[in-house]
C-alpha atoms as a PDB file:
ATOM      1  CA  MET A   1      -2.536   3.813  -9.249  1.00  0.00           C
ATOM      2  CA  HIS A   2       0.119   5.219 -11.313  1.00  0.00           C
ATOM      3  CA  SER A   3      -0.245   8.578 -12.804  1.00  0.00           C
ATOM      4  CA  CYS A   4       1.654  10.395 -10.217  1.00  0.00           C
ATOM      5  CA  ASP A   5       1.654   8.196  -7.231  1.00  0.00           C
ATOM      6  CA  VAL A   6       2.356  10.823  -4.739  1.00  0.00           C
ATOM      7  CA  VAL A   7       2.389   8.418  -1.888  1.00  0.00           C
ATOM      8  CA  TRP A   8       5.717   9.871  -0.803  1.00  0.00           C
ATOM      9  CA  ARG A   9       5.938   7.019   1.615  1.00  0.00           C
ATOM     10  CA  GLY A  10       5.330   8.030   5.196  1.00  0.00           C
ATOM     11  CA  LYS A  11       3.655  11.271   4.121  1.00  0.00           C
ATOM     12  CA  ASP A  12       0.019  12.142   3.634  1.00  0.00           C
ATOM     13  CA  GLN A  13      -0.525  12.217  -0.106  1.00  0.00           C
ATOM     14  CA  PRO A  14      -2.149   9.515  -2.230  1.00  0.00           C
ATOM     15  CA  THR A  15      -0.347   7.027  -4.392  1.00  0.00           C
ATOM     16  CA  CYS A  16      -2.012   8.362  -7.428  1.00  0.00           C
ATOM     17  CA  ASP A  17      -1.997   5.258  -9.491  1.00  0.00           C
ATOM     18  CA  ARG A  18      -2.284   2.489  -6.990  1.00  0.00           C
ATOM     19  CA  GLU A  19      -4.802  -0.267  -7.440  1.00  0.00           C
ATOM     20  CA  ALA A  20      -5.781  -2.386  -4.487  1.00  0.00           C
ATOM     21  CA  ARG A  21      -3.062  -4.655  -5.675  1.00  0.00           C
ATOM     22  CA  GLY A  22      -2.404  -8.190  -4.692  1.00  0.00           C
ATOM     23  CA  LEU A  23      -5.011  -8.712  -2.013  1.00  0.00           C
ATOM     24  CA  VAL A  24      -8.060 -10.258  -3.573  1.00  0.00           C
ATOM     25  CA  SER A  25      -9.593 -10.395  -7.007  1.00  0.00           C
ATOM     26  CA  ILE A  26     -12.529  -7.988  -6.952  1.00  0.00           C
ATOM     27  CA  ASP A  27     -14.019  -5.423  -9.282  1.00  0.00           C
ATOM     28  CA  ARG A  28     -11.617  -2.535  -9.461  1.00  0.00           C
ATOM     29  CA  VAL A  29     -12.871   0.750  -8.163  1.00  0.00           C
ATOM     30  CA  THR A  30     -10.244   2.720 -10.055  1.00  0.00           C
ATOM     31  CA  MET A  31      -8.939   3.075 -13.575  1.00  0.00           C
ATOM     32  CA  ASN A  32      -5.184   3.273 -13.451  1.00  0.00           C
ATOM     33  CA  GLY A  33      -2.101   1.996 -15.216  1.00  0.00           C
ATOM     34  CA  TYR A  34       0.017  -0.116 -12.908  1.00  0.00           C
ATOM     35  CA  ASP A  35       0.436  -2.799 -15.534  1.00  0.00           C
ATOM     36  CA  LYS A  36       2.010  -0.341 -17.974  1.00  0.00           C
ATOM     37  CA  PRO A  37       5.823  -0.636 -18.159  1.00  0.00           C
ATOM     38  CA  SER A  38       6.148   3.147 -18.490  1.00  0.00           C
ATOM     39  CA  VAL A  39       4.333   3.567 -15.189  1.00  0.00           C
ATOM     40  CA  ALA A  40       6.215   0.804 -13.365  1.00  0.00           C
ATOM     41  CA  ARG A  41       9.508   2.259 -14.533  1.00  0.00           C
ATOM     42  CA  ILE A  42       9.065   5.533 -12.633  1.00  0.00           C
ATOM     43  CA  TYR A  43       7.139   4.195  -9.642  1.00  0.00           C
ATOM     44  CA  ASP A  44      10.090   4.098  -7.228  1.00  0.00           C
ATOM     45  CA  ILE A  45      11.236   7.553  -8.286  1.00  0.00           C
ATOM     46  CA  LYS A  46       7.844   8.999  -7.404  1.00  0.00           C
ATOM     47  CA  ASN A  47       7.656   7.172  -4.095  1.00  0.00           C
ATOM     48  CA  GLY A  48      10.484   8.449  -1.950  1.00  0.00           C
ATOM     49  CA  GLY A  49      10.875   8.440   1.818  1.00  0.00           C
ATOM     50  CA  ARG A  50      11.696   5.643   4.221  1.00  0.00           C
ATOM     51  CA  ALA A  51       9.509   6.081   7.296  1.00  0.00           C
ATOM     52  CA  ASP A  52       7.134   3.234   6.436  1.00  0.00           C
ATOM     53  CA  PHE A  53       9.910   0.925   5.192  1.00  0.00           C
ATOM     54  CA  ASP A  54      11.838   1.407   8.417  1.00  0.00           C
ATOM     55  CA  PHE A  55       8.704   0.676  10.436  1.00  0.00           C
ATOM     56  CA  TYR A  56       7.959  -2.619   8.680  1.00  0.00           C
ATOM     57  CA  LEU A  57      11.610  -3.704   8.639  1.00  0.00           C
ATOM     58  CA  SER A  58      11.869  -3.064  12.369  1.00  0.00           C
ATOM     59  CA  LEU A  59       8.616  -4.920  13.016  1.00  0.00           C
ATOM     60  CA  ALA A  60       9.780  -7.954  11.053  1.00  0.00           C
ATOM     61  CA  HIS A  61      13.074  -7.932  12.953  1.00  0.00           C
ATOM     62  CA  GLU A  62      11.278  -7.880  16.305  1.00  0.00           C
ATOM     63  CA  LEU A  63       8.763 -10.587  15.452  1.00  0.00           C
ATOM     64  CA  SER A  64      11.345 -12.897  13.859  1.00  0.00           C
ATOM     65  CA  ARG A  65      13.455 -13.287  16.992  1.00  0.00           C
ATOM     66  CA  GLY A  66      13.635 -16.969  17.801  1.00  0.00           C
ATOM     67  CA  VAL A  67      11.624 -17.969  14.711  1.00  0.00           C
ATOM     68  CA  ASP A  68      13.381 -20.134  12.145  1.00  0.00           C
ATOM     69  CA  GLY A  69      12.516 -19.318   8.544  1.00  0.00           C
ATOM     70  CA  PHE A  70      10.420 -16.279   9.429  1.00  0.00           C
ATOM     71  CA  ALA A  71       8.095 -15.734   6.463  1.00  0.00           C
ATOM     72  CA  VAL A  72       6.694 -12.391   5.300  1.00  0.00           C
ATOM     73  CA  LEU A  73       3.871 -12.005   2.790  1.00  0.00           C
ATOM     74  CA  ASP A  74       3.848  -8.605   1.071  1.00  0.00           C
ATOM     75  CA  VAL A  75       0.441  -8.074  -0.510  1.00  0.00           C
ATOM     76  CA  GLY A  76       0.384  -5.513  -3.280  1.00  0.00           C
ATOM     77  CA  CYS A  77       4.183  -5.718  -3.385  1.00  0.00           C
ATOM     78  CA  GLY A  78       4.548  -3.536  -6.484  1.00  0.00           C
ATOM     79  CA  THR A  79       8.155  -3.117  -7.616  1.00  0.00           C
ATOM     80  CA  GLY A  80       9.396  -5.200  -4.679  1.00  0.00           C
ATOM     81  CA  ALA A  81      11.531  -2.523  -3.023  1.00  0.00           C
ATOM     82  CA  LEU A  82      10.465  -3.441   0.509  1.00  0.00           C
ATOM     83  CA  GLY A  83      10.340  -7.164  -0.214  1.00  0.00           C
ATOM     84  CA  VAL A  84      13.967  -7.162  -1.368  1.00  0.00           C
ATOM     85  CA  GLU A  85      15.062  -5.345   1.799  1.00  0.00           C
ATOM     86  CA  LEU A  86      13.156  -7.834   3.941  1.00  0.00           C
ATOM     87  CA  ALA A  87      14.808 -10.739   2.109  1.00  0.00           C
ATOM     88  CA  HIS A  88      18.221  -9.105   2.525  1.00  0.00           C
ATOM     89  CA  SER A  89      17.506  -9.034   6.269  1.00  0.00           C
ATOM     90  CA  GLY A  90      17.243 -12.827   6.217  1.00  0.00           C
ATOM     91  CA  HIS A  91      13.483 -13.354   6.001  1.00  0.00           C
ATOM     92  CA  ARG A  92      11.640 -15.620   3.585  1.00  0.00           C
ATOM     93  CA  VAL A  93       9.609 -13.216   1.490  1.00  0.00           C
ATOM     94  CA  THR A  94       6.701 -13.711  -0.871  1.00  0.00           C
ATOM     95  CA  GLY A  95       5.341 -10.760  -2.804  1.00  0.00           C
ATOM     96  CA  VAL A  96       2.041 -10.914  -4.651  1.00  0.00           C
ATOM     97  CA  ASP A  97       0.764  -8.406  -7.190  1.00  0.00           C
ATOM     98  CA  PRO A  98      -1.586  -8.586 -10.189  1.00  0.00           C
ATOM     99  CA  ALA A  99       0.436  -6.074 -12.254  1.00  0.00           C
ATOM    100  CA  GLU A 100       2.999  -7.954 -14.319  1.00  0.00           C
ATOM    101  CA  ALA A 101       4.906  -4.785 -15.205  1.00  0.00           C
ATOM    102  CA  MET A 102       5.461  -4.066 -11.520  1.00  0.00           C
ATOM    103  CA  LEU A 103       6.603  -7.630 -10.874  1.00  0.00           C
ATOM    104  CA  GLU A 104       9.050  -7.402 -13.746  1.00  0.00           C
ATOM    105  CA  MET A 105      10.627  -4.432 -11.988  1.00  0.00           C
ATOM    106  CA  ALA A 106      10.724  -6.511  -8.783  1.00  0.00           C
ATOM    107  CA  ARG A 107      12.395  -9.494 -10.439  1.00  0.00           C
ATOM    108  CA  THR A 108      15.059  -7.441 -12.206  1.00  0.00           C
ATOM    109  CA  ARG A 109      15.991  -5.029  -9.413  1.00  0.00           C
ATOM    110  CA  PRO A 110      19.219  -5.757  -7.469  1.00  0.00           C
ATOM    111  CA  GLY A 111      18.400  -8.575  -5.051  1.00  0.00           C
ATOM    112  CA  GLY A 112      15.183  -9.356  -6.895  1.00  0.00           C
ATOM    113  CA  ASP A 113      16.063 -13.039  -7.120  1.00  0.00           C
ATOM    114  CA  GLY A 114      15.706 -13.403  -3.337  1.00  0.00           C
ATOM    115  CA  PRO A 115      11.946 -13.220  -2.739  1.00  0.00           C
ATOM    116  CA  THR A 116       9.276 -15.354  -4.397  1.00  0.00           C
ATOM    117  CA  TRP A 117       7.066 -13.241  -6.663  1.00  0.00           C
ATOM    118  CA  ILE A 118       3.498 -14.288  -7.446  1.00  0.00           C
ATOM    119  CA  HIS A 119       1.555 -12.763 -10.299  1.00  0.00           C
ATOM    120  CA  GLY A 120      -1.914 -12.827  -8.825  1.00  0.00           C
ATOM    121  CA  TYR A 121      -3.889 -12.072  -5.705  1.00  0.00           C
ATOM    122  CA  ALA A 122      -3.969 -13.082  -2.063  1.00  0.00           C
ATOM    123  CA  LYS A 123      -6.309 -15.922  -2.972  1.00  0.00           C
ATOM    124  CA  ASP A 124      -3.342 -17.437  -4.810  1.00  0.00           C
ATOM    125  CA  VAL A 125      -1.213 -17.638  -1.650  1.00  0.00           C
ATOM    126  CA  PRO A 126      -1.141 -20.949   0.296  1.00  0.00           C
ATOM    127  CA  ASP A 127      -2.851 -21.296   3.652  1.00  0.00           C
ATOM    128  CA  ALA A 128      -0.808 -20.755   6.826  1.00  0.00           C
ATOM    129  CA  SER A 129       2.269 -19.695   4.856  1.00  0.00           C
ATOM    130  CA  ALA A 130       3.245 -16.442   6.604  1.00  0.00           C
ATOM    131  CA  ASP A 131       4.336 -15.261  10.027  1.00  0.00           C
ATOM    132  CA  LEU A 132       3.713 -11.656   9.024  1.00  0.00           C
ATOM    133  CA  VAL A 133       1.352 -10.228   6.401  1.00  0.00           C
ATOM    134  CA  ILE A 134       1.946  -6.613   5.443  1.00  0.00           C
ATOM    135  CA  MET A 135      -0.163  -4.217   3.389  1.00  0.00           C
ATOM    136  CA  THR A 136       1.819  -1.079   2.673  1.00  0.00           C
ATOM    137  CA  GLY A 137       1.308   2.007   0.532  1.00  0.00           C
ATOM    138  CA  HIS A 138      -2.175   2.529   2.044  1.00  0.00           C
ATOM    139  CA  VAL A 139      -3.470  -0.503   0.142  1.00  0.00           C
ATOM    140  CA  ALA A 140      -6.185  -0.911   2.787  1.00  0.00           C
ATOM    141  CA  GLN A 141      -7.886   2.247   1.546  1.00  0.00           C
ATOM    142  CA  TYR A 142      -8.603   0.861  -1.900  1.00  0.00           C
ATOM    143  CA  PHE A 143     -11.268  -1.533  -0.622  1.00  0.00           C
ATOM    144  CA  VAL A 144     -14.090   0.961  -0.375  1.00  0.00           C
ATOM    145  CA  THR A 145     -16.969  -1.328   0.540  1.00  0.00           C
ATOM    146  CA  ASP A 146     -17.128  -3.129   3.862  1.00  0.00           C
ATOM    147  CA  GLY A 147     -17.643  -6.404   2.005  1.00  0.00           C
ATOM    148  CA  ALA A 148     -14.484  -6.022  -0.067  1.00  0.00           C
ATOM    149  CA  TRP A 149     -12.466  -5.067   3.020  1.00  0.00           C
ATOM    150  CA  ALA A 150     -13.813  -8.048   4.968  1.00  0.00           C
ATOM    151  CA  THR A 151     -12.763 -10.353   2.131  1.00  0.00           C
ATOM    152  CA  VAL A 152      -9.232  -8.955   2.171  1.00  0.00           C
ATOM    153  CA  LEU A 153      -8.941  -9.525   5.908  1.00  0.00           C
ATOM    154  CA  ARG A 154     -10.287 -13.046   5.546  1.00  0.00           C
ATOM    155  CA  HIS A 155      -7.537 -13.847   3.019  1.00  0.00           C
ATOM    156  CA  ALA A 156      -4.918 -12.370   5.324  1.00  0.00           C
ATOM    157  CA  HIS A 157      -6.209 -14.500   8.195  1.00  0.00           C
ATOM    158  CA  ARG A 158      -6.048 -17.599   6.014  1.00  0.00           C
ATOM    159  CA  ALA A 159      -2.479 -16.873   4.930  1.00  0.00           C
ATOM    160  CA  LEU A 160      -1.223 -16.399   8.492  1.00  0.00           C
ATOM    161  CA  ARG A 161       0.121 -19.146  10.678  1.00  0.00           C
ATOM    162  CA  ALA A 162      -1.183 -19.400  14.231  1.00  0.00           C
ATOM    163  CA  GLY A 163       0.397 -16.591  16.227  1.00  0.00           C
ATOM    164  CA  GLY A 164       1.248 -14.639  13.065  1.00  0.00           C
ATOM    165  CA  ARG A 165       0.575 -10.946  12.635  1.00  0.00           C
ATOM    166  CA  ILE A 166      -0.912  -8.612  10.088  1.00  0.00           C
ATOM    167  CA  ALA A 167       0.253  -5.000   9.869  1.00  0.00           C
ATOM    168  CA  PHE A 168      -1.139  -2.219   7.703  1.00  0.00           C
ATOM    169  CA  GLU A 169      -1.816   1.494   7.658  1.00  0.00           C
ATOM    170  CA  SER A 170      -4.766   3.671   6.676  1.00  0.00           C
ATOM    171  CA  ARG A 171      -4.926   7.457   6.662  1.00  0.00           C
ATOM    172  CA  ASN A 172      -6.750   9.075   9.564  1.00  0.00           C
ATOM    173  CA  PRO A 173      -9.819  10.939   8.241  1.00  0.00           C
ATOM    174  CA  GLY A 174      -9.447  13.397  11.113  1.00  0.00           C
ATOM    175  CA  ASN A 175      -6.309  14.718   9.414  1.00  0.00           C
ATOM    176  CA  ARG A 176      -8.344  15.735   6.330  1.00  0.00           C
ATOM    177  CA  ALA A 177      -5.402  15.007   4.021  1.00  0.00           C
ATOM    178  CA  TRP A 178      -7.565  15.266   0.894  1.00  0.00           C
ATOM    179  CA  GLU A 179      -7.789  19.026   1.392  1.00  0.00           C
ATOM    180  CA  ARG A 180      -4.078  19.201   0.562  1.00  0.00           C
ATOM    181  CA  TRP A 181      -4.289  17.023  -2.541  1.00  0.00           C
ATOM    182  CA  THR A 182      -4.209  19.866  -5.065  1.00  0.00           C
ATOM    183  CA  ARG A 183      -1.972  20.656  -7.998  1.00  0.00           C
ATOM    184  CA  ASP A 184      -0.331  23.542  -6.147  1.00  0.00           C
ATOM    185  CA  ASN A 185       0.494  21.381  -3.118  1.00  0.00           C
ATOM    186  CA  THR A 186       1.604  18.201  -4.868  1.00  0.00           C
ATOM    187  CA  THR A 187       3.467  19.196  -8.044  1.00  0.00           C
ATOM    188  CA  ARG A 188       6.960  17.734  -8.315  1.00  0.00           C
ATOM    189  CA  THR A 189       9.549  17.540 -11.107  1.00  0.00           C
ATOM    190  CA  LEU A 190      11.747  14.435 -10.955  1.00  0.00           C
ATOM    191  CA  PRO A 191      14.497  12.811 -13.036  1.00  0.00           C
ATOM    192  CA  HIS A 192      13.357  10.168 -15.491  1.00  0.00           C
ATOM    193  CA  PRO A 193      15.443   6.945 -15.646  1.00  0.00           C
ATOM    194  CA  ASP A 194      15.696   7.308 -19.434  1.00  0.00           C
ATOM    195  CA  GLY A 195      16.895  10.902 -19.232  1.00  0.00           C
ATOM    196  CA  GLY A 196      15.236  14.250 -18.835  1.00  0.00           C
ATOM    197  CA  HIS A 197      12.606  15.034 -16.225  1.00  0.00           C
ATOM    198  CA  PHE A 198       8.914  14.419 -15.690  1.00  0.00           C
ATOM    199  CA  THR A 199       6.405  16.435 -13.679  1.00  0.00           C
ATOM    200  CA  CYS A 200       3.487  14.987 -11.716  1.00  0.00           C
ATOM    201  CA  TRP A 201       0.726  16.107  -9.396  1.00  0.00           C
ATOM    202  CA  VAL A 202      -2.552  15.021  -7.792  1.00  0.00           C
ATOM    203  CA  GLU A 203      -6.001  16.556  -8.201  1.00  0.00           C
ATOM    204  CA  SER A 204      -8.791  15.649  -5.774  1.00  0.00           C
ATOM    205  CA  LEU A 205     -12.042  15.370  -7.727  1.00  0.00           C
ATOM    206  CA  GLU A 206     -14.768  14.445  -5.236  1.00  0.00           C
ATOM    207  CA  VAL A 207     -15.156  13.869  -1.505  1.00  0.00           C
ATOM    208  CA  ASN A 208     -18.076  12.258   0.337  1.00  0.00           C
ATOM    209  CA  GLU A 209     -17.790  12.845   4.066  1.00  0.00           C
ATOM    210  CA  ASP A 210     -21.251  11.442   4.829  1.00  0.00           C
ATOM    211  CA  ALA A 211     -20.780   7.789   3.855  1.00  0.00           C
ATOM    212  CA  PRO A 212     -21.315   5.472   6.845  1.00  0.00           C
ATOM    213  CA  GLU A 213     -18.183   3.446   6.034  1.00  0.00           C
ATOM    214  CA  GLY A 214     -15.888   6.493   6.148  1.00  0.00           C
ATOM    215  CA  VAL A 215     -14.744   9.411   4.022  1.00  0.00           C
ATOM    216  CA  ILE A 216     -14.733   8.398   0.349  1.00  0.00           C
ATOM    217  CA  GLU A 217     -12.439  10.411  -1.918  1.00  0.00           C
ATOM    218  CA  THR A 218     -11.736  10.266  -5.663  1.00  0.00           C
ATOM    219  CA  HIS A 219      -8.686  11.836  -7.308  1.00  0.00           C
ATOM    220  CA  ARG A 220      -6.510  11.558 -10.365  1.00  0.00           C
ATOM    221  CA  GLY A 221      -2.776  11.802 -10.887  1.00  0.00           C
ATOM    222  CA  ILE A 222      -1.292  13.652 -13.847  1.00  0.00           C
ATOM    223  CA  THR A 223       2.148  13.035 -15.343  1.00  0.00           C
ATOM    224  CA  VAL A 224       3.861  15.220 -17.937  1.00  0.00           C
ATOM    225  CA  HIS A 225       6.586  13.104 -19.521  1.00  0.00           C
ATOM    226  CA  PRO A 226      10.017  14.283 -20.730  1.00  0.00           C
ATOM    227  CA  ASP A 227       8.759  14.520 -24.317  1.00  0.00           C
ATOM    228  CA  GLY A 228       5.907  16.791 -23.216  1.00  0.00           C
ATOM    229  CA  THR A 229       3.142  14.215 -23.519  1.00  0.00           C
ATOM    230  CA  ARG A 230       0.619  14.115 -20.685  1.00  0.00           C
ATOM    231  CA  SER A 231      -1.116  11.125 -19.110  1.00  0.00           C
ATOM    232  CA  GLY A 232      -3.626  10.557 -16.334  1.00  0.00           C
ATOM    233  CA  ASP A 233      -6.523  12.741 -17.444  1.00  0.00           C
ATOM    234  CA  ASP A 234      -8.617   9.680 -18.275  1.00  0.00           C
ATOM    235  CA  THR A 235      -7.847   7.798 -15.044  1.00  0.00           C
ATOM    236  CA  SER A 236      -8.937   8.142 -11.438  1.00  0.00           C
ATOM    237  CA  GLU A 237      -8.962   6.210  -8.200  1.00  0.00           C
ATOM    238  CA  THR A 238     -11.211   6.116  -5.185  1.00  0.00           C
ATOM    239  CA  LEU A 239     -10.036   5.702  -1.600  1.00  0.00           C
ATOM    240  CA  ILE A 240     -11.780   5.290   1.728  1.00  0.00           C
ATOM    241  CA  LEU A 241     -10.506   6.786   4.957  1.00  0.00           C
ATOM    242  CA  ARG A 242     -12.014   4.715   7.782  1.00  0.00           C
ATOM    243  CA  ARG A 243     -12.259   5.778  11.397  1.00  0.00           C
ATOM    244  CA  LEU A 244     -10.163   3.805  13.854  1.00  0.00           C
ATOM    245  CA  ASP A 245     -13.200   2.166  15.466  1.00  0.00           C
ATOM    246  CA  ARG A 246     -14.351   0.790  12.105  1.00  0.00           C
ATOM    247  CA  LEU A 247     -10.879  -0.506  11.320  1.00  0.00           C
ATOM    248  CA  THR A 248     -10.511  -2.258  14.661  1.00  0.00           C
ATOM    249  CA  SER A 249     -14.001  -3.786  14.564  1.00  0.00           C
ATOM    250  CA  SER A 250     -13.449  -5.130  11.046  1.00  0.00           C
ATOM    251  CA  VAL A 251     -10.095  -6.642  11.997  1.00  0.00           C
ATOM    252  CA  GLU A 252     -11.611  -8.289  15.060  1.00  0.00           C
ATOM    253  CA  ALA A 253     -14.525  -9.602  12.991  1.00  0.00           C
ATOM    254  CA  ALA A 254     -11.983 -11.398  10.805  1.00  0.00           C
ATOM    255  CA  GLY A 255     -10.761 -13.362  13.820  1.00  0.00           C
ATOM    256  CA  LEU A 256      -7.702 -11.225  14.546  1.00  0.00           C
ATOM    257  CA  THR A 257      -6.745  -9.626  17.855  1.00  0.00           C
ATOM    258  CA  ILE A 258      -5.532  -6.023  17.849  1.00  0.00           C
ATOM    259  CA  GLU A 259      -2.164  -5.727  19.589  1.00  0.00           C
ATOM    260  CA  HIS A 260      -1.121  -2.186  18.724  1.00  0.00           C
ATOM    261  CA  ALA A 261      -2.561   0.946  17.132  1.00  0.00           C
ATOM    262  CA  TYR A 262      -0.161   3.771  16.289  1.00  0.00           C
ATOM    263  CA  GLY A 263      -0.695   7.264  14.963  1.00  0.00           C
ATOM    264  CA  ASP A 264       2.608   7.711  13.123  1.00  0.00           C
ATOM    265  CA  TRP A 265       5.636   5.810  11.857  1.00  0.00           C
ATOM    266  CA  SER A 266       7.583   6.489  15.045  1.00  0.00           C
ATOM    267  CA  ARG A 267       4.936   4.484  16.952  1.00  0.00           C
ATOM    268  CA  GLY A 268       3.407   7.520  18.559  1.00  0.00           C
ATOM    269  CA  PRO A 269      -0.152   7.343  19.948  1.00  0.00           C
ATOM    270  CA  VAL A 270      -3.240   7.697  17.813  1.00  0.00           C
ATOM    271  CA  THR A 271      -4.576  11.254  17.953  1.00  0.00           C
ATOM    272  CA  GLU A 272      -7.680  12.912  16.597  1.00  0.00           C
ATOM    273  CA  THR A 273      -5.849  14.679  13.776  1.00  0.00           C
ATOM    274  CA  GLY A 274      -2.764  12.479  13.343  1.00  0.00           C
ATOM    275  CA  ILE A 275      -1.841  11.401   9.821  1.00  0.00           C
ATOM    276  CA  GLU A 276      -2.058   7.608  10.160  1.00  0.00           C
ATOM    277  CA  HIS A 277      -3.876   4.697  11.726  1.00  0.00           C
ATOM    278  CA  ILE A 278      -1.271   1.906  11.843  1.00  0.00           C
ATOM    279  CA  LEU A 279      -2.573  -1.412  13.140  1.00  0.00           C
ATOM    280  CA  ILE A 280      -0.877  -4.641  14.170  1.00  0.00           C
ATOM    281  CA  ALA A 281      -3.091  -7.654  14.885  1.00  0.00           C
ATOM    282  CA  ARG A 282      -2.462 -11.317  15.742  1.00  0.00           C
ATOM    283  CA  ARG A 283      -4.009 -14.536  14.537  1.00  0.00           C
ATOM    284  CA  ASP A 284      -4.528 -16.698  17.631  1.00  0.00           C
END
C-alpha cells in the first residue's frame, strides 16, 4: 500500500499503499508498490503520529515485566520504525515483511542492526518464538475473506509461546471512516527526503456495506512527486472493516482468549462510533 499511505498512525485514514504484509503468503487483494524503493523511501514521512506506537510500546513494557528475553514479533514490520524502538527498549525483536525495499529501510535506519529482519511471511517464523505478536498499521483489514483472516490468526497462534499475547487494531465500521477518504479531506504536501515536496491523497472507489463479513472498501492513493510525475492511478487496495463481534469470534476460534478490547489508543471503551477496535488476546 504505498501511493499515499495516509495511515497517519492513530488516525482514521487508510495506509494507501499497504499490502497485508508479513503475515501469510496468500493471493494479494491489492495492487500496490511497497517493494519499490521510491515508495519505501517516503513511507515514514507519510505516516506521522505516535498514538499507536506509544500504545504498543507501553503494552510491551507492561507484559515484559519479570520476563527474561521478552520477544516481540512485528508482522508486516515495514520500515522497522516501531521494531527499532521496541529493540531500544530492551526487547528481542523480529520483524517480518515480504517487501525487500521496506526491509532495506529497516536495516539501514539508525538502530536497524538491533532487531532481526526476515524477508518473508509469518509462515517463515519459528514456532513458539514470541511473547507478543503485533499487527500494526491496520494490517488486519487487508485479509478480506474469513479464510485468509483465520489463516493469519493461526500463524500468530503458532508463533506465540504459551501465555503470550497478540495485539492488533481494526477500524470500527460504525465510524464510517471511508466517507472521509476523499481528495479534499486527505490531500497533504510533505517534504521529500531528496529535496522538494510531494503531494498525496486518497480516493475511495467502492464500498460494499452488505457483505456478511463486514464493510468492504476499495480505494487508491495518488502521489505527485517533486518532478511533477504522478503515480497511483493504476493501483488500488481493498480493506475490510469487521464488526467487533466478528473479530472476537475469529480470535477465539483460533484458540486465543480475548483479554481486552479498546476503542481508542488511550485505552478508552469500545463505542458504537469510535474509530478503532483494538484487541489483546492470550494464548493459553
